[in-house]
Amino acid sequence: MTGGGFASREDAGRQLARRLAAMAIENPVVLALPRGGVPVAAEVAKALNAPLDLVLVRKISTPGQPELAAAAIVDGAAPVLVENERVMRMLGLSSKDIGELVRPALAEIERRRRRYLGGRAPVDITGKTAIVVDDGIATGTTAKAALKALKSRHPKSLILAVPVASPEALAELRGEADHIVSLLAPPGFYAIGPYYGDFHQLTDEEVMAALKDI
């Protein structure tokens, strides 16, 4: 796709990598949000010659609207839960409603950990530049949860890097990262998919293949 978009997640990753390479980042570690962020992040990691790891965060979707995040959770010794109060108010959801969806979300995170990483230990980001990559940002809820969880791992700095994002979400996320890189932040943004020629639902096998390339 030309004129304001990307042919594929891999194409987006290569374009994002060129922007990040120009920043001369020291000690980078690339952290992908699966599934969609993995092929984007794999291209970034290759270009920067950086380790690639995952942030196992799970969007808690709204009933009947699977792409709309009412909350997101990152697992760990103390799981980080971020609620999107605006979306919750719009749909009449309470914190109790969200709480009932946390357990299945954590179960899916654990399934993905076993499938994607096996017994591999997390990459140490202490004192390094952690670059968090997704294929796009709509509400920003998932990215916010990931960034909050990563701060507890003491990186030197946090960069959020995406091909396309809602301007409103970027404004909300500004205090969560040291730097934000978004190639596109179009006014009137309503969904990530229209900015990609190919935006198919990734399979576990595709995620694992992208991880093996690094």
Foldseek 3Di string as FASTA:
>chain_A
DDDQFAAALLRLLQVLLVVVVVVVFPFEEEEEEPDQFLNSSLSNCVSVVHHYYYQLKFFDADVPGRVHGQWMWTDDPDIFIFGDVVVCVVVVHDVVNVVVSVVVSVVVSVVLCCLQPNPDDDDQQAQHEYEYTGAEEEQLRRVLSSLVVCVVSHHPFYEYEYAEYAPVNCVVCVVSGPYYHYVYHDPPDHDSVVRYSDDDDDDSVVSNVSNVVD
